[in-house]
Amino acid sequence: MDWKTRRATLDLSCRGRVMGILNVTPDSFSDGSEHAELASALAHAHQMIAEGAELIDIGGESTRPGALPVTLAVEIARTVPVVAALRAGWDGLISIDTSKAGVAAAALAAGADVVNDVSGLRHDPAMMAVCAASGCGVVVMHMLGEPRTMQHSPQYTDVVAEVRGFFAERLAVLTAAGIAPAAVCFDPGIGFGKSLAHNLTLLRQLHTLSVAGRPLLLGVSRKSFLGQVLHTADPAARDAPTVALTAFARQQHVMLHRVHAVEPNVQALRMIEALLDGSARRPINRGPAHAAAE
């Protein structure tokens, strides 16, 4: 299983990869305002890279339930300087988390490799053309409704079949628009227009969601459904259950994981992979700080 991006094609046959979340927003549910300044954003990105992140996902508009949209100009001003500065000092994969074609185009011009669109490339009619022209990797997420309303009593007849059907429809539409099938990755959109029961059902059935052999990206990090299960309102207290779900999903062949706390999730992947294939194929990149401590 491969995933083609602008910079590199990832071999996802054996080793799971971690995408580190870098929100440069004032209102994201977990880390809003913590990395709104360029210096802080870059420092956090490099910390996640040292902990083993192979992709950094930069977002300038909160998509938490009830979030209000921001303008194109504001989102570009928040994200593009971070993309450009990170690209100047790192050769890894950069993802832009946006549903606006103008933001995607500006970020791609600044050095991004992947467009991660929570609307599944449905919000902005120009998004498919931007992605097709650039040859970038594309993350297509399933969301019922929009962030402001998506958690208002979401309803499905069969959530697994409907999400899988959405993926099949999107792959056909994107391919017809000139996006290479090898560039497409799917995200089931845990927490985006789903109840607790819907989320748990999708997680149990991750192994059934892939369409045409395309990889899945899982984003469960610190989400509110974890708090519902464990009775905690503190997003930071949800890191341990996030790690548990990373390990669980890796056993269902989910190879891409979007998380806040990078190092424990990388460790979980490598441990599960050692159990699955009997060997640790590659040591964890623990960074200079850890090496010095040893």
Protein backbone atom coordinates (compact mmCIF):
# COMPACT_ATOMS: atom_id res chain seq x y z
CA MET A 1 0.00 0.00 0.00
CA ASP A 2 1.52 3.32 -1.11
CA TRP A 3 0.39 6.93 -0.72
CA LYS A 4 1.66 9.42 -3.29
CA THR A 5 2.34 12.99 -2.17
CA ARG A 6 4.12 15.84 -3.94
CA ARG A 7 7.46 15.19 -2.24
CA ALA A 8 7.52 11.45 -1.75
CA THR A 9 5.52 8.26 -2.04
CA LEU A 10 5.04 6.64 1.35
CA ASP A 11 5.33 2.87 1.56
CA LEU A 12 2.60 1.91 4.02
CA SER A 13 2.94 -1.83 3.69
CA CYS A 14 4.71 -2.44 7.01
CA ARG A 15 5.29 0.69 9.07
CA GLY A 16 2.66 3.05 10.44
CA ARG A 17 3.34 6.77 10.25
CA VAL A 18 2.41 9.58 12.61
CA MET A 19 1.10 12.96 11.47
CA GLY A 20 1.69 15.59 14.14
CA ILE A 21 -1.07 18.16 14.67
CA LEU A 22 0.01 21.81 14.55
CA ASN A 23 -2.94 24.13 15.15
CA VAL A 24 -2.09 27.80 14.60
CA THR A 25 -5.50 28.96 15.78
CA PRO A 26 -6.81 30.81 18.85
CA ASP A 27 -9.76 28.44 19.37
CA SER A 28 -8.93 24.79 18.63
CA PHE A 29 -10.46 22.50 21.23
CA SER A 30 -7.21 21.09 22.65
CA ASP A 31 -4.39 23.54 22.05
CA GLY A 32 -5.96 26.76 20.84
CA SER A 33 -3.62 29.80 21.06
CA GLU A 34 -0.64 27.69 22.23
CA HIS A 35 1.12 27.85 18.85
CA ALA A 36 -0.40 30.93 17.23
CA GLU A 37 2.97 32.70 17.03
CA LEU A 38 5.46 31.63 14.34
CA ALA A 39 8.34 30.89 16.73
CA SER A 40 6.14 28.75 18.98
CA ALA A 41 4.64 26.93 16.01
CA LEU A 42 8.06 26.09 14.57
CA ALA A 43 9.41 24.97 17.93
CA HIS A 44 6.46 22.64 18.42
CA ALA A 45 6.76 21.27 14.88
CA HIS A 46 10.42 20.44 15.40
CA GLN A 47 9.65 18.86 18.77
CA MET A 48 7.10 16.57 17.10
CA ILE A 49 9.60 15.74 14.35
CA ALA A 50 12.22 14.83 16.95
CA GLU A 51 9.64 12.55 18.57
CA GLY A 52 9.04 10.69 15.31
CA ALA A 53 6.39 12.58 13.32
CA GLU A 54 6.91 12.07 9.60
CA LEU A 55 4.16 14.47 8.58
CA ILE A 56 3.16 17.81 10.12
CA ASP A 57 -0.45 18.92 9.62
CA ILE A 58 -0.87 22.71 9.86
CA GLY A 59 -4.34 24.12 10.42
CA GLY A 60 -5.51 27.71 10.68
CA GLU A 61 -9.26 27.26 11.19
CA SER A 62 -10.81 25.33 14.05
CA THR A 63 -13.18 22.52 13.06
CA ARG A 64 -14.33 21.68 16.59
CA PRO A 65 -18.11 21.30 17.04
CA GLY A 66 -19.71 24.74 16.96
CA ALA A 67 -16.66 26.45 15.47
CA LEU A 68 -17.26 29.52 13.30
CA PRO A 69 -15.54 29.94 9.92
CA VAL A 70 -12.67 32.38 9.35
CA THR A 71 -11.92 34.39 6.23
CA LEU A 72 -9.57 33.26 3.48
CA ALA A 73 -7.14 36.07 4.28
CA VAL A 74 -6.99 35.22 7.98
CA GLU A 75 -6.43 31.53 7.34
CA ILE A 76 -3.63 32.23 4.85
CA ALA A 77 -1.99 34.68 7.24
CA ARG A 78 -2.03 32.08 10.01
CA THR A 79 -0.77 29.08 8.05
CA VAL A 80 1.38 30.03 5.07
CA PRO A 81 4.25 31.65 7.02
CA VAL A 82 4.47 28.49 9.13
CA VAL A 83 4.48 26.25 6.05
CA ALA A 84 7.21 28.33 4.42
CA ALA A 85 9.38 28.51 7.53
CA LEU A 86 9.05 24.80 8.27
CA ARG A 87 9.82 23.90 4.66
CA ALA A 88 12.97 26.04 4.76
CA GLY A 89 14.40 23.89 7.53
CA TRP A 90 12.92 20.42 6.98
CA ASP A 91 12.57 18.04 4.06
CA GLY A 92 9.70 15.97 5.49
CA LEU A 93 6.03 16.01 4.55
CA ILE A 94 3.87 19.05 5.30
CA SER A 95 0.09 18.90 5.20
CA ILE A 96 -2.27 21.88 5.06
CA ASP A 97 -5.53 21.31 6.94
CA THR A 98 -8.07 23.41 5.04
CA SER A 99 -11.29 23.30 3.04
CA LYS A 100 -10.50 26.50 1.09
CA ALA A 101 -8.87 26.19 -2.34
CA GLY A 102 -7.17 29.56 -1.92
CA VAL A 103 -5.50 28.47 1.31
CA ALA A 104 -4.49 25.14 -0.22
CA ALA A 105 -2.97 26.85 -3.28
CA ALA A 106 -1.00 29.31 -1.15
CA ALA A 107 0.26 26.57 1.17
CA LEU A 108 1.24 24.33 -1.74
CA ALA A 109 3.15 27.23 -3.29
CA ALA A 110 4.94 27.69 0.05
CA GLY A 111 6.02 24.04 0.13
CA ALA A 112 3.15 21.88 1.40
CA ASP A 113 2.83 18.32 0.07
CA VAL A 114 -0.65 17.24 1.20
CA VAL A 115 -4.11 18.82 1.41
CA ASN A 116 -6.18 17.54 4.33
CA ASP A 117 -9.80 18.61 3.72
CA VAL A 118 -12.42 17.83 6.37
CA SER A 119 -15.16 18.47 3.80
CA GLY A 120 -13.89 15.73 1.48
CA LEU A 121 -13.18 18.35 -1.23
CA ARG A 122 -16.85 19.32 -1.31
CA HIS A 123 -16.82 22.74 0.40
CA ASP A 124 -14.93 24.70 -2.26
CA PRO A 125 -15.66 23.87 -5.94
CA ALA A 126 -12.10 24.92 -6.89
CA MET A 127 -10.37 22.53 -4.48
CA MET A 128 -10.25 19.50 -6.79
CA ALA A 129 -8.60 21.50 -9.56
CA VAL A 130 -5.97 22.88 -7.16
CA CYS A 131 -5.12 19.40 -5.93
CA ALA A 132 -5.11 17.85 -9.40
CA ALA A 133 -2.80 20.55 -10.79
CA SER A 134 -0.32 20.30 -7.93
CA GLY A 135 -0.06 16.51 -7.74
CA CYS A 136 -0.35 16.72 -3.95
CA GLY A 137 -1.50 14.00 -1.62
CA VAL A 138 -5.15 14.36 -0.61
CA VAL A 139 -6.87 13.37 2.65
CA VAL A 140 -10.61 13.00 2.08
CA MET A 141 -12.55 13.07 5.34
CA HIS A 142 -16.16 12.07 5.95
CA MET A 143 -18.24 14.65 7.80
CA LEU A 144 -22.01 14.77 8.22
CA GLY A 145 -23.07 18.41 8.07
CA GLU A 146 -20.63 21.19 8.95
CA PRO A 147 -18.65 22.04 12.10
CA ARG A 148 -21.29 24.43 13.43
CA THR A 149 -24.07 21.83 13.28
CA MET A 150 -22.49 18.40 12.82
CA GLN A 151 -23.11 17.19 16.37
CA HIS A 152 -26.79 18.14 16.41
CA SER A 153 -28.29 14.63 16.55
CA PRO A 154 -26.43 12.94 13.67
CA GLN A 155 -28.42 10.10 12.10
CA TYR A 156 -27.37 7.11 9.96
CA THR A 157 -29.10 3.95 8.80
CA ASP A 158 -25.77 2.08 8.64
CA VAL A 159 -22.82 4.30 9.53
CA VAL A 160 -20.17 1.87 8.25
CA ALA A 161 -21.85 1.34 4.88
CA GLU A 162 -22.56 5.05 4.48
CA VAL A 163 -18.98 6.12 5.22
CA ARG A 164 -17.58 3.46 2.90
CA GLY A 165 -20.07 4.50 0.20
CA PHE A 166 -18.97 8.11 0.60
CA PHE A 167 -15.35 7.08 0.08
CA ALA A 168 -16.23 5.17 -3.09
CA GLU A 169 -18.21 8.12 -4.47
CA ARG A 170 -15.41 10.59 -3.66
CA LEU A 171 -12.75 8.39 -5.26
CA ALA A 172 -14.73 8.24 -8.48
CA VAL A 173 -15.33 12.00 -8.52
CA LEU A 174 -11.75 12.91 -7.67
CA THR A 175 -10.32 10.52 -10.23
CA ALA A 176 -12.58 12.00 -12.90
CA ALA A 177 -11.29 15.45 -11.90
CA GLY A 178 -7.69 14.41 -12.57
CA ILE A 179 -6.49 13.45 -9.10
CA ALA A 180 -4.44 10.26 -9.19
CA PRO A 181 -6.04 7.44 -7.16
CA ALA A 182 -2.61 6.79 -5.60
CA ALA A 183 -2.71 10.31 -4.11
CA VAL A 184 -5.95 9.70 -2.20
CA CYS A 185 -6.20 8.75 1.47
CA PHE A 186 -9.42 8.47 3.46
CA ASP A 187 -10.32 9.61 6.99
CA PRO A 188 -13.56 8.25 8.52
CA GLY A 189 -14.05 11.51 10.40
CA ILE A 190 -14.36 10.22 13.94
CA GLY A 191 -16.26 12.86 15.90
CA PHE A 192 -17.42 14.76 12.81
CA GLY A 193 -21.17 14.31 12.69
CA LYS A 194 -21.14 11.08 14.69
CA SER A 195 -22.54 10.05 18.05
CA LEU A 196 -20.52 8.03 20.54
CA ALA A 197 -22.14 4.85 19.22
CA HIS A 198 -21.30 5.79 15.62
CA ASN A 199 -17.68 6.47 16.55
CA LEU A 200 -17.27 3.17 18.36
CA THR A 201 -18.91 1.24 15.53
CA LEU A 202 -16.57 2.79 12.96
CA LEU A 203 -13.54 2.05 15.11
CA ARG A 204 -14.55 -1.60 15.45
CA GLN A 205 -14.95 -1.83 11.67
CA LEU A 206 -11.94 0.15 10.43
CA HIS A 207 -10.69 -2.89 8.56
CA THR A 208 -13.81 -2.80 6.36
CA LEU A 209 -13.65 0.88 5.33
CA SER A 210 -10.84 0.91 2.78
CA VAL A 211 -11.91 1.50 -0.83
CA ALA A 212 -9.82 0.36 -3.81
CA GLY A 213 -6.88 -0.39 -1.53
CA ARG A 214 -6.47 3.23 -0.50
CA PRO A 215 -5.04 3.87 2.98
CA LEU A 216 -6.93 5.23 5.95
CA LEU A 217 -5.83 8.08 8.17
CA LEU A 218 -7.24 7.99 11.70
CA GLY A 219 -7.77 11.13 13.76
CA VAL A 220 -9.02 10.35 17.26
CA SER A 221 -6.53 12.35 19.29
CA ARG A 222 -8.04 13.92 22.44
CA LYS A 223 -11.53 13.96 20.94
CA SER A 224 -14.60 14.44 23.07
CA PHE A 225 -15.95 10.89 22.60
CA LEU A 226 -12.94 9.69 24.63
CA GLY A 227 -14.07 11.99 27.40
CA GLN A 228 -17.58 10.56 27.16
CA VAL A 229 -16.24 7.04 27.66
CA LEU A 230 -13.79 7.97 30.42
CA HIS A 231 -15.76 10.80 32.05
CA THR A 232 -13.14 13.52 31.67
CA ALA A 233 -13.50 17.00 30.22
CA ASP A 234 -9.74 17.59 30.08
CA PRO A 235 -8.38 17.06 26.54
CA ALA A 236 -4.86 16.41 27.86
CA ALA A 237 -6.21 13.50 29.95
CA ARG A 238 -7.21 11.76 26.71
CA ASP A 239 -3.67 11.07 25.46
CA ALA A 240 -3.49 7.57 26.96
CA PRO A 241 -6.76 6.38 25.36
CA THR A 242 -5.58 7.92 22.09
CA VAL A 243 -2.47 5.70 22.26
CA ALA A 244 -4.68 2.68 22.96
CA LEU A 245 -6.75 3.40 19.86
CA THR A 246 -3.61 3.93 17.75
CA ALA A 247 -2.46 0.44 18.72
CA PHE A 248 -5.94 -1.02 18.14
CA ALA A 249 -6.24 0.62 14.72
CA ARG A 250 -2.76 -0.49 13.66
CA GLN A 251 -3.89 -4.07 14.22
CA GLN A 252 -6.64 -3.31 11.69
CA HIS A 253 -4.01 -2.13 9.18
CA VAL A 254 -4.55 1.60 9.66
CA MET A 255 -1.12 3.03 8.84
CA LEU A 256 -1.58 6.80 9.22
CA HIS A 257 -2.36 8.39 12.59
CA ARG A 258 -3.00 12.10 13.23
CA VAL A 259 -2.17 12.92 16.87
CA HIS A 260 -1.20 15.66 19.32
CA ALA A 261 1.19 13.64 21.52
CA VAL A 262 3.60 12.16 18.99
CA GLU A 263 6.12 10.08 20.92
CA PRO A 264 3.80 7.68 22.79
CA ASN A 265 1.83 7.01 19.60
CA VAL A 266 5.02 6.28 17.64
CA GLN A 267 6.06 3.92 20.42
CA ALA A 268 2.68 2.18 20.29
CA LEU A 269 3.01 1.64 16.53
CA ARG A 270 6.52 0.21 16.79
CA MET A 271 5.52 -2.09 19.64
CA ILE A 272 2.47 -3.43 17.82
CA GLU A 273 4.52 -3.90 14.65
CA ALA A 274 7.14 -5.86 16.55
CA LEU A 275 4.39 -8.16 17.78
CA LEU A 276 2.73 -8.44 14.38
CA ASP A 277 5.79 -9.31 12.33
CA GLY A 278 8.25 -10.52 14.95
CA SER A 279 10.77 -7.73 14.47
CA ALA A 280 11.28 -4.04 15.12
CA ARG A 281 11.97 -2.94 11.53
CA ARG A 282 13.28 0.51 12.33
CA PRO A 283 14.34 2.18 15.59
CA ILE A 284 12.34 5.12 16.88
CA ASN A 285 13.87 8.50 16.09
CA ARG A 286 13.97 9.90 19.59
CA GLY A 287 15.88 13.10 18.85
CA PRO A 288 19.08 14.63 20.24
CA ALA A 289 17.63 15.38 23.66
CA HIS A 290 16.88 11.71 24.31
CA ALA A 291 20.19 10.60 22.86
CA ALA A 292 22.05 12.91 25.23
CA ALA A 293 20.12 11.54 28.18
CA GLU A 294 21.16 8.01 27.28
